[in-house]
Amino acid sequence: MLIDDDVPMLKLLRQMIDWEQLQLKVVASTYSSEKALYLFQQTAPDIVVTDIGLPQMNGIELAEQFRRIKPDVRIIFITCHEDFNYAQQALKLQADDYLIKDQLTSEQLQQSLLKLVRSLQQQSSSVSTQPSSYNHQLFKQGLLQRVLDGINVDEMLKYAAGIGVGWNYPWFRLSLVHVQYASYVEHYPQQSLSLICYAVYNIAEELAKTYEGITPFLQQQHLVIVYNYRDNFADNNVLHFNSYLLKLREQVAQFMRLQLVNVTVRDKLQLKQLGAWYHSLLRHKYEFYVGESMLIGDRQQGMQPTWLPLRTGEFDHYKAELKQALDIRDMDGMKRVLADIKDNFGARSIEPTSLMHELKVCLRELAFAASVRLDEAEAIYEYIEQARTFDDVLALTERLIIAMAMLHDKQEKKQGRGTLAGSSEPKLHQIQHFIEQHLADSITSIDIARYLYLNPSYFSRYFKRMTGSNFTDYVHQYKMNIASKMLKTSGQTLEEIALALGYSDRTYFSKVFKKYMGVTPSEHKNRCS
């Protein structure tokens, strides 16, 4: 059984493997976790390959349900995020494998499946893999999920008490803590991010032992700090919480050479309010133009940040100036342009998502124009999208442009010595032509590899070297740019545009559009209007 909320990924998983040759049959596949549970009950598969980051019910929770129905089911987790927390939970559930989606090859998946097939064939009796108990960290993760979901307060308090978290007072404060990615890439390799975040969490947890009422949680790649206290004149609760956050930043800087940024709700909250505030803080990036520490008062509850929209074409002259600076290796000029960007957009508080999107588009265009392919580029683009402050975004941008300049200079020197021969490999315009001819289809890297008569694994590696992104992301971005223009100029409905671009489900199309364009199709259309 195959489960992934990305429809093209489902198709890709089907195409990657000759299932019959492995003595396997795909009995069901779906992008919905709720439907997956129903289909599992109907088909009772021996092996499940599932994404972890599913809506409604994530892959870990889904696997627990599967285990209850069929204790000997074999589980392979795949995910876009090398998340240490998820890996821990996957291991605790005795998952048979944990694969990174962006690095997944047909060989990896086949090896993983073959191992399970051999194991199933050798199995003489059903061996229960139902977990008998969870460690404290997994219990804490369950508590955080209950808080974020905002379920019954009495149940939350009972659950917390059961795992040794004493939330005995009526009032709470909340802070979100993120790593500044520019400081991370300076000292650590890309693949270690989840492990490093876990180390930061360990520091936070050790420090919390000396601060009454403070409970840190690790949520994907950021920390959620909850402070439970009683409101009286004798205790200065604000100073107590701020002291903890300051000490945390100092210790992480000292021991791990990382800079942290936090945004904190200053005023008192009730337990049932924490989930809504968490989602608001995460979504709106209140701290984007402020810096490493920001306080938000209760009076701002429910208010949207007063971001100004980025005007169409407003970023174009900065692109031209950065390209000129890169062409002549004028690093001082490049820094001046980035300083101008900071002064201009920071002073006006331009909406962060659209600004970061323009920066990423600019960087991709610079790399393409300079014919450079950096191994770290895709990771930097991801960090830019996740960064919480404008300073972090600009520091990452500067790092990437300097790396482009150095590689471009190196390539030119090689060409000067005649070491680069002409290439017969496919050019980007051939690939774009194929996409344009199949806009109404759900295209995968295997489809284009067949079109170009290339090995699919080789094509995936080649395409990532050429563009800095994987093929699925490139196709989605390409189609969303077309969708953006269609929303502006055509009178077609959202369903008609989605179908024309190969998305049979309107909800899925809207989700993809928001991921790559930063806003929903409706919001985009309203802005254009």
Protein backbone atom coordinates (compact mmCIF):
# COMPACT_ATOMS: atom_id res chain seq x y z
CA MET A 1 0.00 0.00 0.00
CA LEU A 2 1.33 3.44 -1.01
CA ILE A 3 0.42 6.66 0.84
CA ASP A 4 1.59 10.18 -0.02
CA ASP A 5 -0.26 13.51 -0.11
CA ASP A 6 1.78 14.51 -3.18
CA VAL A 7 -0.05 12.91 -6.14
CA PRO A 8 2.95 12.97 -8.55
CA MET A 9 5.01 11.23 -5.84
CA LEU A 10 2.41 8.44 -5.68
CA LYS A 11 2.72 7.99 -9.42
CA LEU A 12 6.51 8.06 -9.17
CA LEU A 13 6.51 5.35 -6.49
CA ARG A 14 4.41 3.12 -8.76
CA GLN A 15 6.78 3.67 -11.68
CA MET A 16 10.06 3.27 -9.78
CA ILE A 17 9.61 -0.46 -9.10
CA ASP A 18 8.68 -3.54 -11.11
CA TRP A 19 6.33 -4.75 -8.37
CA GLU A 20 5.49 -8.13 -9.94
CA GLN A 21 9.17 -8.99 -10.27
CA LEU A 22 9.47 -8.52 -6.50
CA GLN A 23 6.41 -10.78 -5.99
CA LEU A 24 4.45 -7.75 -4.77
CA LYS A 25 1.18 -6.15 -5.78
CA VAL A 26 0.06 -2.61 -5.01
CA VAL A 27 -3.35 -3.28 -3.49
CA ALA A 28 -4.14 0.36 -2.67
CA SER A 29 -2.76 3.87 -2.93
CA THR A 30 -4.09 7.20 -1.67
CA TYR A 31 -3.11 10.78 -0.77
CA SER A 32 -5.55 10.94 2.19
CA SER A 33 -4.67 9.56 5.63
CA GLU A 34 -8.36 9.07 6.48
CA LYS A 35 -8.94 7.11 3.28
CA ALA A 36 -5.71 5.19 3.94
CA LEU A 37 -7.11 3.87 7.21
CA TYR A 38 -10.28 2.70 5.46
CA LEU A 39 -8.33 1.07 2.61
CA PHE A 40 -5.97 -0.64 5.07
CA GLN A 41 -8.93 -2.24 6.82
CA GLN A 42 -10.28 -3.41 3.46
CA THR A 43 -7.04 -4.75 1.94
CA ALA A 44 -4.83 -5.65 4.97
CA PRO A 45 -1.50 -5.18 3.11
CA ASP A 46 1.69 -6.84 4.37
CA ILE A 47 3.84 -3.76 3.57
CA VAL A 48 3.00 -0.05 3.77
CA VAL A 49 5.13 2.69 2.16
CA THR A 50 3.94 5.98 3.64
CA ASP A 51 4.90 9.63 3.73
CA ILE A 52 5.19 11.05 7.25
CA GLY A 53 4.04 14.64 6.67
CA LEU A 54 0.39 13.88 5.92
CA PRO A 55 -2.49 16.24 6.77
CA GLN A 56 -5.20 15.29 9.31
CA MET A 57 -3.22 12.30 10.65
CA ASN A 58 0.56 12.11 10.10
CA GLY A 59 2.35 8.96 9.02
CA ILE A 60 3.52 8.08 12.55
CA GLU A 61 -0.04 8.24 13.91
CA LEU A 62 -1.31 6.30 10.90
CA ALA A 63 1.30 3.57 11.47
CA GLU A 64 0.14 3.21 15.08
CA GLN A 65 -3.41 2.61 13.83
CA PHE A 66 -2.13 0.06 11.30
CA ARG A 67 -0.23 -1.78 14.05
CA ARG A 68 -3.39 -2.09 16.12
CA ILE A 69 -5.27 -3.58 13.17
CA LYS A 70 -2.42 -5.80 11.94
CA PRO A 71 0.49 -6.06 14.40
CA ASP A 72 2.90 -7.71 11.92
CA VAL A 73 2.50 -5.12 9.14
CA ARG A 74 5.83 -3.86 7.77
CA ILE A 75 6.31 -0.08 7.53
CA ILE A 76 8.62 1.96 5.30
CA PHE A 77 8.55 5.70 6.08
CA ILE A 78 9.50 8.31 3.49
CA THR A 79 9.68 12.05 4.11
CA CYS A 80 11.08 15.31 2.71
CA HIS A 81 12.53 16.25 6.07
CA GLU A 82 15.42 14.56 7.81
CA ASP A 83 13.61 15.03 11.08
CA PHE A 84 15.30 13.42 14.09
CA ASN A 85 12.09 13.36 16.11
CA TYR A 86 10.24 11.51 13.38
CA ALA A 87 13.15 9.09 12.95
CA GLN A 88 13.07 8.33 16.67
CA GLN A 89 9.36 7.63 16.58
CA ALA A 90 9.73 5.53 13.44
CA LEU A 91 12.38 3.40 15.15
CA LYS A 92 10.23 3.12 18.28
CA LEU A 93 7.43 1.77 16.15
CA GLN A 94 9.96 -0.72 14.79
CA ALA A 95 9.70 0.74 11.31
CA ASP A 96 11.53 -1.40 8.78
CA ASP A 97 13.09 1.55 6.97
CA TYR A 98 13.20 5.36 6.94
CA LEU A 99 13.99 6.91 3.55
CA ILE A 100 14.59 10.55 2.57
CA LYS A 101 12.28 11.45 -0.31
CA ASP A 102 14.62 13.95 -2.00
CA GLN A 103 17.40 11.32 -2.06
CA LEU A 104 15.22 8.32 -2.90
CA THR A 105 16.29 6.14 -5.84
CA SER A 106 14.64 3.06 -7.31
CA GLU A 107 17.62 1.02 -6.10
CA GLN A 108 17.12 2.17 -2.49
CA LEU A 109 13.41 1.43 -2.53
CA GLN A 110 13.94 -1.94 -4.19
CA GLN A 111 16.57 -2.98 -1.64
CA SER A 112 14.27 -1.99 1.21
CA LEU A 113 11.35 -3.93 -0.27
CA LEU A 114 13.46 -7.01 -1.06
CA LYS A 115 14.58 -7.14 2.56
CA LEU A 116 10.94 -7.16 3.69
CA VAL A 117 9.93 -9.76 1.12
CA ARG A 118 12.65 -12.12 2.32
CA SER A 119 11.64 -11.49 5.91
CA LEU A 120 7.97 -12.22 5.17
CA GLN A 121 8.87 -15.40 3.29
CA GLN A 122 10.98 -16.65 6.19
CA GLN A 123 8.44 -15.73 8.81
CA SER A 124 6.97 -18.89 10.26
CA SER A 125 4.73 -17.24 12.78
CA SER A 126 3.28 -13.79 13.38
CA VAL A 127 5.51 -11.72 15.64
CA SER A 128 3.81 -8.81 17.32
CA THR A 129 5.60 -5.52 16.95
CA GLN A 130 3.02 -3.57 18.95
CA PRO A 131 4.99 -1.10 21.09
CA SER A 132 4.49 -1.87 24.78
CA SER A 133 5.65 1.53 26.02
CA TYR A 134 6.99 4.85 24.80
CA ASN A 135 9.96 6.78 26.14
CA HIS A 136 9.50 10.13 27.80
CA GLN A 137 10.32 12.07 24.66
CA LEU A 138 7.56 10.40 22.68
CA PHE A 139 5.09 11.05 25.50
CA LYS A 140 6.10 14.73 25.47
CA GLN A 141 5.52 14.81 21.73
CA GLY A 142 2.05 13.44 22.33
CA LEU A 143 1.40 16.17 24.89
CA LEU A 144 2.52 18.91 22.50
CA GLN A 145 0.28 17.54 19.78
CA ARG A 146 -2.69 17.67 22.15
CA VAL A 147 -1.86 21.27 23.01
CA LEU A 148 -1.58 22.27 19.34
CA ASP A 149 -4.81 20.49 18.47
CA GLY A 150 -6.57 22.27 21.35
CA ILE A 151 -8.41 19.21 22.64
CA ASN A 152 -10.15 19.02 26.03
CA VAL A 153 -8.19 20.94 28.68
CA ASP A 154 -8.90 18.44 31.46
CA GLU A 155 -7.58 15.62 29.27
CA MET A 156 -4.43 17.63 28.48
CA LEU A 157 -3.73 18.32 32.15
CA LYS A 158 -4.34 14.68 33.05
CA TYR A 159 -2.00 13.54 30.27
CA ALA A 160 0.66 16.06 31.34
CA ALA A 161 0.50 14.92 34.96
CA GLY A 162 0.77 11.31 33.84
CA ILE A 163 4.15 11.94 32.18
CA GLY A 164 5.53 14.11 34.96
CA VAL A 165 4.83 17.57 33.51
CA GLY A 166 3.34 19.57 36.37
CA TRP A 167 1.12 22.24 34.88
CA ASN A 168 -0.47 23.19 38.19
CA TYR A 169 -1.19 26.88 37.59
CA PRO A 170 -3.86 28.55 35.43
CA TRP A 171 -1.62 30.80 33.29
CA PHE A 172 0.84 30.13 30.48
CA ARG A 173 3.36 31.94 28.30
CA LEU A 174 4.59 30.71 24.93
CA SER A 175 7.75 31.19 22.88
CA LEU A 176 8.94 29.74 19.56
CA VAL A 177 12.71 29.36 19.12
CA HIS A 178 14.38 28.86 15.73
CA VAL A 179 17.96 28.43 14.57
CA GLN A 180 19.42 31.21 12.42
CA TYR A 181 20.35 29.16 9.36
CA ALA A 182 23.24 31.39 8.29
CA SER A 183 25.05 30.47 11.50
CA TYR A 184 24.17 26.80 10.96
CA VAL A 185 25.56 26.44 7.41
CA GLU A 186 28.77 28.13 8.52
CA HIS A 187 29.61 25.34 10.97
CA TYR A 188 27.62 22.19 10.12
CA PRO A 189 26.85 20.01 7.07
CA GLN A 190 23.38 20.11 5.55
CA GLN A 191 22.39 16.56 6.52
CA SER A 192 23.01 17.21 10.25
CA LEU A 193 20.29 19.84 10.76
CA SER A 194 17.77 17.61 12.53
CA LEU A 195 20.46 16.17 14.80
CA ILE A 196 21.76 19.65 15.63
CA CYS A 197 18.23 20.85 16.44
CA TYR A 198 17.90 17.88 18.75
CA ALA A 199 21.14 18.93 20.48
CA VAL A 200 19.74 22.45 20.92
CA TYR A 201 16.61 20.89 22.43
CA ASN A 202 18.76 18.90 24.88
CA ILE A 203 20.40 22.14 26.05
CA ALA A 204 16.94 23.70 26.46
CA GLU A 205 15.72 20.71 28.45
CA GLU A 206 18.77 20.69 30.76
CA LEU A 207 18.44 24.43 31.34
CA ALA A 208 14.72 24.06 32.12
CA LYS A 209 15.59 21.91 35.14
CA THR A 210 16.85 25.09 36.85
CA TYR A 211 13.81 27.20 35.83
CA GLU A 212 10.54 26.29 37.51
CA GLY A 213 7.48 25.89 35.30
CA ILE A 214 9.28 25.84 31.93
CA THR A 215 8.76 22.91 29.54
CA PRO A 216 10.60 22.82 26.18
CA PHE A 217 9.36 20.73 23.23
CA LEU A 218 11.01 19.88 19.92
CA GLN A 219 8.61 20.35 17.01
CA GLN A 220 10.22 19.43 13.68
CA GLN A 221 13.16 21.89 13.46
CA HIS A 222 12.21 24.47 16.07
CA LEU A 223 11.56 24.59 19.81
CA VAL A 224 8.26 25.33 21.51
CA ILE A 225 8.80 26.70 25.03
CA VAL A 226 5.80 26.63 27.39
CA TYR A 227 5.91 28.42 30.75
CA ASN A 228 3.25 27.61 33.36
CA TYR A 229 2.97 30.04 36.31
CA ARG A 230 0.70 31.62 38.89
CA ASP A 231 -0.04 35.31 38.64
CA ASN A 232 1.02 37.17 41.78
CA PHE A 233 2.96 40.26 42.75
CA ALA A 234 5.73 38.33 44.52
CA ASP A 235 7.03 36.59 41.39
CA ASN A 236 8.25 38.49 38.34
CA ASN A 237 7.16 35.96 35.75
CA VAL A 238 8.18 38.03 32.72
CA LEU A 239 11.77 38.36 33.96
CA HIS A 240 11.87 34.65 34.83
CA PHE A 241 10.82 33.59 31.32
CA ASN A 242 13.02 36.16 29.54
CA SER A 243 15.99 35.08 31.66
CA TYR A 244 15.52 31.49 30.52
CA LEU A 245 15.34 32.48 26.83
CA LEU A 246 18.42 34.72 27.12
CA LYS A 247 20.39 32.00 28.89
CA LEU A 248 19.35 29.51 26.21
CA ARG A 249 20.63 31.78 23.43
CA GLU A 250 23.91 32.33 25.29
CA GLN A 251 24.54 28.62 25.93
CA VAL A 252 23.73 27.57 22.37
CA ALA A 253 26.03 30.31 21.03
CA GLN A 254 28.80 29.22 23.42
CA PHE A 255 28.61 25.45 22.98
CA MET A 256 27.31 25.09 19.43
CA ARG A 257 28.25 28.40 17.73
CA LEU A 258 24.65 28.88 16.64
CA GLN A 259 22.46 31.98 16.81
CA LEU A 260 18.85 31.57 17.88
CA VAL A 261 15.83 33.77 17.26
CA ASN A 262 12.69 33.68 19.39
CA VAL A 263 9.25 35.26 19.34
CA THR A 264 7.33 35.31 22.62
CA VAL A 265 3.76 36.00 23.68
CA ARG A 266 4.37 38.27 26.66
CA ASP A 267 0.92 38.36 28.25
CA LYS A 268 -0.73 35.51 30.09
CA LEU A 269 -2.61 32.85 28.15
CA GLN A 270 -4.92 30.00 29.06
CA LEU A 271 -3.94 26.45 28.11
CA LYS A 272 -6.66 26.26 25.47
CA GLN A 273 -5.22 29.36 23.72
CA LEU A 274 -1.70 27.96 23.20
CA GLY A 275 -2.51 26.03 20.01
CA ALA A 276 -4.06 29.00 18.20
CA TRP A 277 -1.18 31.26 19.23
CA TYR A 278 1.39 28.70 18.13
CA HIS A 279 -0.07 28.50 14.64
CA SER A 280 -0.31 32.31 14.44
CA LEU A 281 3.33 32.81 15.47
CA LEU A 282 4.55 30.16 13.05
CA ARG A 283 2.51 31.38 10.11
CA HIS A 284 2.87 35.16 10.33
CA LYS A 285 6.60 35.54 11.19
CA TYR A 286 5.95 38.59 13.37
CA GLU A 287 9.68 38.78 14.15
CA PHE A 288 10.85 38.90 10.51
CA TYR A 289 12.07 42.52 10.51
CA VAL A 290 12.71 42.79 14.26
CA GLY A 291 15.68 40.60 15.08
CA GLU A 292 16.64 37.84 17.47
CA SER A 293 14.00 38.44 20.13
CA MET A 294 10.46 39.78 19.86
CA LEU A 295 7.64 40.18 22.37
CA ILE A 296 3.99 40.17 21.33
CA GLY A 297 1.28 41.49 23.61
CA ASP A 298 -2.13 39.93 24.11
CA ARG A 299 -3.76 43.01 22.59
CA GLN A 300 -2.51 41.85 19.18
CA GLN A 301 -4.37 38.55 19.39
CA GLY A 302 -6.23 37.77 16.18
CA MET A 303 -4.57 40.63 14.30
CA GLN A 304 -2.74 40.06 11.03
CA PRO A 305 0.72 41.62 10.66
CA THR A 306 0.53 44.87 8.73
CA TRP A 307 2.74 43.72 5.84
CA LEU A 308 2.73 45.74 2.63
CA PRO A 309 2.43 43.85 -0.68
CA LEU A 310 5.42 43.51 -3.00
CA ARG A 311 4.65 45.37 -6.21
CA THR A 312 5.00 43.53 -9.51
CA GLY A 313 8.43 44.11 -11.06
CA GLU A 314 9.70 45.95 -7.99
CA PHE A 315 12.58 43.50 -7.56
CA ASP A 316 13.74 43.54 -11.19
CA HIS A 317 16.41 46.25 -10.95
CA TYR A 318 17.96 44.53 -7.94
CA LYS A 319 18.24 41.36 -10.02
CA ALA A 320 20.02 43.30 -12.76
CA GLU A 321 22.44 44.89 -10.28
CA LEU A 322 23.23 41.56 -8.60
CA LYS A 323 23.82 39.91 -11.99
CA GLN A 324 26.18 42.70 -12.99
CA ALA A 325 28.08 42.40 -9.70
CA LEU A 326 28.32 38.61 -10.14
CA ASP A 327 29.54 38.92 -13.75
CA ILE A 328 32.50 41.09 -12.74
CA ARG A 329 33.00 39.43 -9.32
CA ASP A 330 32.29 42.71 -7.52
CA MET A 331 31.59 41.38 -4.04
CA ASP A 332 31.55 44.84 -2.47
CA GLY A 333 28.97 45.91 -5.05
CA MET A 334 26.90 42.82 -4.30
CA LYS A 335 26.94 43.63 -0.58
CA ARG A 336 25.82 47.20 -1.32
CA VAL A 337 22.86 45.88 -3.34
CA LEU A 338 21.85 43.55 -0.49
CA ALA A 339 22.14 46.47 1.94
CA ASP A 340 19.83 48.51 -0.30
CA ILE A 341 17.36 45.60 -0.38
CA LYS A 342 17.41 45.45 3.41
CA ASP A 343 16.89 49.20 3.83
CA ASN A 344 14.14 49.44 1.22
CA PHE A 345 12.00 46.41 2.01
CA GLY A 346 12.75 46.33 5.74
CA ALA A 347 11.68 49.95 6.28
CA ARG A 348 8.37 49.30 4.51
CA SER A 349 7.76 45.84 6.10
CA ILE A 350 7.06 44.06 2.83
CA GLU A 351 5.19 40.76 3.14
CA PRO A 352 7.95 38.16 3.89
CA THR A 353 6.73 35.20 1.82
CA SER A 354 6.53 37.09 -1.47
CA LEU A 355 9.87 38.80 -0.77
CA MET A 356 11.63 35.48 -0.08
CA HIS A 357 10.05 34.00 -3.20
CA GLU A 358 11.48 36.83 -5.32
CA LEU A 359 14.91 36.34 -3.74
CA LYS A 360 14.88 32.63 -4.53
CA VAL A 361 13.78 33.28 -8.12
CA CYS A 362 16.58 35.85 -8.40
CA LEU A 363 19.19 33.40 -7.10
CA ARG A 364 18.05 30.64 -9.46
CA GLU A 365 18.23 33.04 -12.40
CA LEU A 366 21.72 34.15 -11.37
CA ALA A 367 22.91 30.54 -11.11
CA PHE A 368 21.38 29.67 -14.48
CA ALA A 369 22.87 32.75 -16.18
CA ALA A 370 26.29 32.00 -14.70
CA SER A 371 25.97 28.27 -15.62
CA VAL A 372 26.92 27.18 -12.11
CA ARG A 373 25.45 24.28 -10.17
CA LEU A 374 26.10 24.28 -6.46
CA ASP A 375 25.53 21.20 -4.35
CA GLU A 376 24.42 23.33 -1.40
CA ALA A 377 22.08 25.57 -3.43
CA GLU A 378 18.86 23.65 -2.85
CA ALA A 379 19.50 23.49 0.88
CA ILE A 380 20.09 27.27 0.94
CA TYR A 381 16.81 27.86 -0.92
CA GLU A 382 15.05 25.74 1.69
CA TYR A 383 16.71 27.65 4.54
CA ILE A 384 15.71 30.98 2.97
CA GLU A 385 12.08 29.82 2.86
CA GLN A 386 12.18 28.68 6.50
CA ALA A 387 14.24 31.60 7.89
CA ARG A 388 12.54 33.70 10.53
CA THR A 389 14.42 36.99 10.10
CA PHE A 390 15.35 39.18 7.15
CA ASP A 391 18.97 39.33 8.38
CA ASP A 392 19.17 35.55 8.14
CA VAL A 393 17.69 35.57 4.63
CA LEU A 394 20.19 38.17 3.41
CA ALA A 395 23.15 36.40 5.03
CA LEU A 396 22.17 33.16 3.25
CA THR A 397 21.73 35.06 -0.02
CA GLU A 398 25.17 36.63 0.30
CA ARG A 399 26.76 33.25 1.04
CA LEU A 400 25.19 31.68 -2.05
CA ILE A 401 26.16 34.51 -4.42
CA ILE A 402 29.76 34.44 -3.19
CA ALA A 403 29.84 30.67 -3.76
CA MET A 404 28.45 31.22 -7.28
CA ALA A 405 31.15 33.78 -8.03
CA MET A 406 33.91 31.47 -6.84
CA LEU A 407 32.61 28.50 -8.84
CA HIS A 408 32.00 30.64 -11.94
CA ASP A 409 35.56 31.94 -11.74
CA LYS A 410 36.88 28.39 -11.36
CA GLN A 411 34.90 27.18 -14.39
CA GLU A 412 36.13 30.04 -16.55
CA LYS A 413 39.73 29.19 -15.67
CA LYS A 414 39.13 25.56 -16.65
CA GLN A 415 37.56 26.62 -19.94
CA GLY A 416 40.56 28.85 -20.56
CA ARG A 417 42.79 25.77 -20.32
CA GLY A 418 40.47 23.89 -22.70
CA THR A 419 39.45 21.25 -20.18
CA LEU A 420 35.69 21.56 -20.71
CA ALA A 421 34.47 19.76 -23.78
CA GLY A 422 31.11 20.39 -25.41
CA SER A 423 28.29 18.40 -23.85
CA SER A 424 25.71 16.33 -25.67
CA GLU A 425 23.46 16.11 -22.59
CA PRO A 426 19.86 17.46 -22.81
CA LYS A 427 19.37 21.19 -22.38
CA LEU A 428 16.77 22.85 -20.23
CA HIS A 429 14.72 24.05 -23.21
CA GLN A 430 14.16 20.40 -24.30
CA ILE A 431 12.82 19.57 -20.84
CA GLN A 432 10.65 22.71 -20.78
CA HIS A 433 9.28 21.78 -24.21
CA PHE A 434 8.23 18.37 -22.88
CA ILE A 435 6.54 19.97 -19.86
CA GLU A 436 4.67 22.43 -22.11
CA GLN A 437 3.48 19.55 -24.31
CA HIS A 438 2.19 17.67 -21.23
CA LEU A 439 0.78 20.45 -19.04
CA ALA A 440 -2.43 18.52 -18.46
CA ASP A 441 -0.53 15.43 -17.26
CA SER A 442 1.02 14.53 -13.92
CA ILE A 443 4.66 14.36 -15.09
CA THR A 444 7.39 12.48 -13.21
CA SER A 445 11.14 12.28 -13.69
CA ILE A 446 10.67 8.78 -15.12
CA ASP A 447 8.41 10.18 -17.87
CA ILE A 448 10.99 12.76 -18.97
CA ALA A 449 13.86 10.26 -18.65
CA ARG A 450 12.07 7.93 -21.07
CA TYR A 451 11.48 10.86 -23.43
CA LEU A 452 15.20 11.66 -23.40
CA TYR A 453 16.26 7.98 -23.52
CA LEU A 454 18.12 8.31 -20.23
CA ASN A 455 18.36 6.18 -17.11
CA PRO A 456 15.88 7.67 -14.57
CA SER A 457 18.41 7.73 -11.72
CA TYR A 458 21.02 9.40 -13.93
CA PHE A 459 18.48 11.97 -15.15
CA SER A 460 17.45 12.86 -11.58
CA ARG A 461 21.08 13.46 -10.57
CA TYR A 462 21.83 15.37 -13.78
CA PHE A 463 18.74 17.57 -13.47
CA LYS A 464 19.55 18.48 -9.86
CA ARG A 465 23.11 19.41 -10.85
CA MET A 466 21.80 21.50 -13.75
CA THR A 467 19.05 23.43 -11.92
CA GLY A 468 19.73 23.05 -8.20
CA SER A 469 16.27 21.55 -7.59
CA ASN A 470 14.61 18.17 -8.01
CA PHE A 471 12.38 17.58 -11.03
CA THR A 472 9.09 17.42 -9.12
CA ASP A 473 9.71 20.82 -7.51
CA TYR A 474 10.71 22.27 -10.88
CA VAL A 475 7.52 21.05 -12.60
CA HIS A 476 5.31 22.32 -9.78
CA GLN A 477 7.05 25.72 -9.87
CA TYR A 478 6.81 25.86 -13.67
CA LYS A 479 3.09 25.08 -13.62
CA MET A 480 2.36 27.47 -10.75
CA ASN A 481 3.99 30.34 -12.68
CA ILE A 482 1.62 29.55 -15.56
CA ALA A 483 -1.29 29.29 -13.13
CA SER A 484 -0.41 32.72 -11.74
CA LYS A 485 -0.68 34.26 -15.21
CA MET A 486 -3.90 32.39 -15.97
CA LEU A 487 -5.48 33.66 -12.75
CA LYS A 488 -4.57 37.22 -13.76
CA THR A 489 -5.63 37.16 -17.40
CA SER A 490 -8.06 34.32 -18.10
CA GLY A 491 -11.69 34.08 -17.11
CA GLN A 492 -11.39 30.39 -16.29
CA THR A 493 -12.53 28.98 -12.97
CA LEU A 494 -10.06 27.55 -10.49
CA GLU A 495 -11.20 24.00 -11.36
CA GLU A 496 -10.62 24.64 -15.09
CA ILE A 497 -7.13 26.02 -14.50
CA ALA A 498 -6.26 23.11 -12.20
CA LEU A 499 -7.40 20.53 -14.77
CA ALA A 500 -5.55 22.31 -17.57
CA LEU A 501 -2.34 21.99 -15.57
CA GLY A 502 -2.78 18.34 -14.61
CA TYR A 503 -4.31 18.71 -11.13
CA SER A 504 -7.57 16.78 -10.93
CA ASP A 505 -8.20 17.79 -7.31
CA ARG A 506 -8.88 21.48 -6.57
CA THR A 507 -7.77 21.19 -2.93
CA TYR A 508 -4.46 19.63 -3.92
CA PHE A 509 -3.91 22.30 -6.60
CA SER A 510 -4.54 25.07 -4.04
CA LYS A 511 -2.09 23.44 -1.62
CA VAL A 512 0.64 23.24 -4.29
CA PHE A 513 -0.05 26.83 -5.43
CA LYS A 514 0.33 28.17 -1.88
CA LYS A 515 3.53 26.20 -1.33
CA TYR A 516 5.27 27.67 -4.38
CA MET A 517 3.63 31.10 -4.67
CA GLY A 518 3.22 31.91 -0.97
CA VAL A 519 -0.53 32.63 -1.14
CA THR A 520 -3.67 30.70 -2.04
CA PRO A 521 -5.08 31.04 -5.60
CA SER A 522 -8.00 33.10 -4.25
CA GLU A 523 -5.66 35.48 -2.38
CA HIS A 524 -3.51 35.81 -5.49
CA LYS A 525 -6.52 36.61 -7.66
CA ASN A 526 -7.79 39.19 -5.16
CA ARG A 527 -4.39 40.91 -5.11
CA CYS A 528 -4.33 41.11 -8.87
CA SER A 529 -7.86 42.51 -8.88
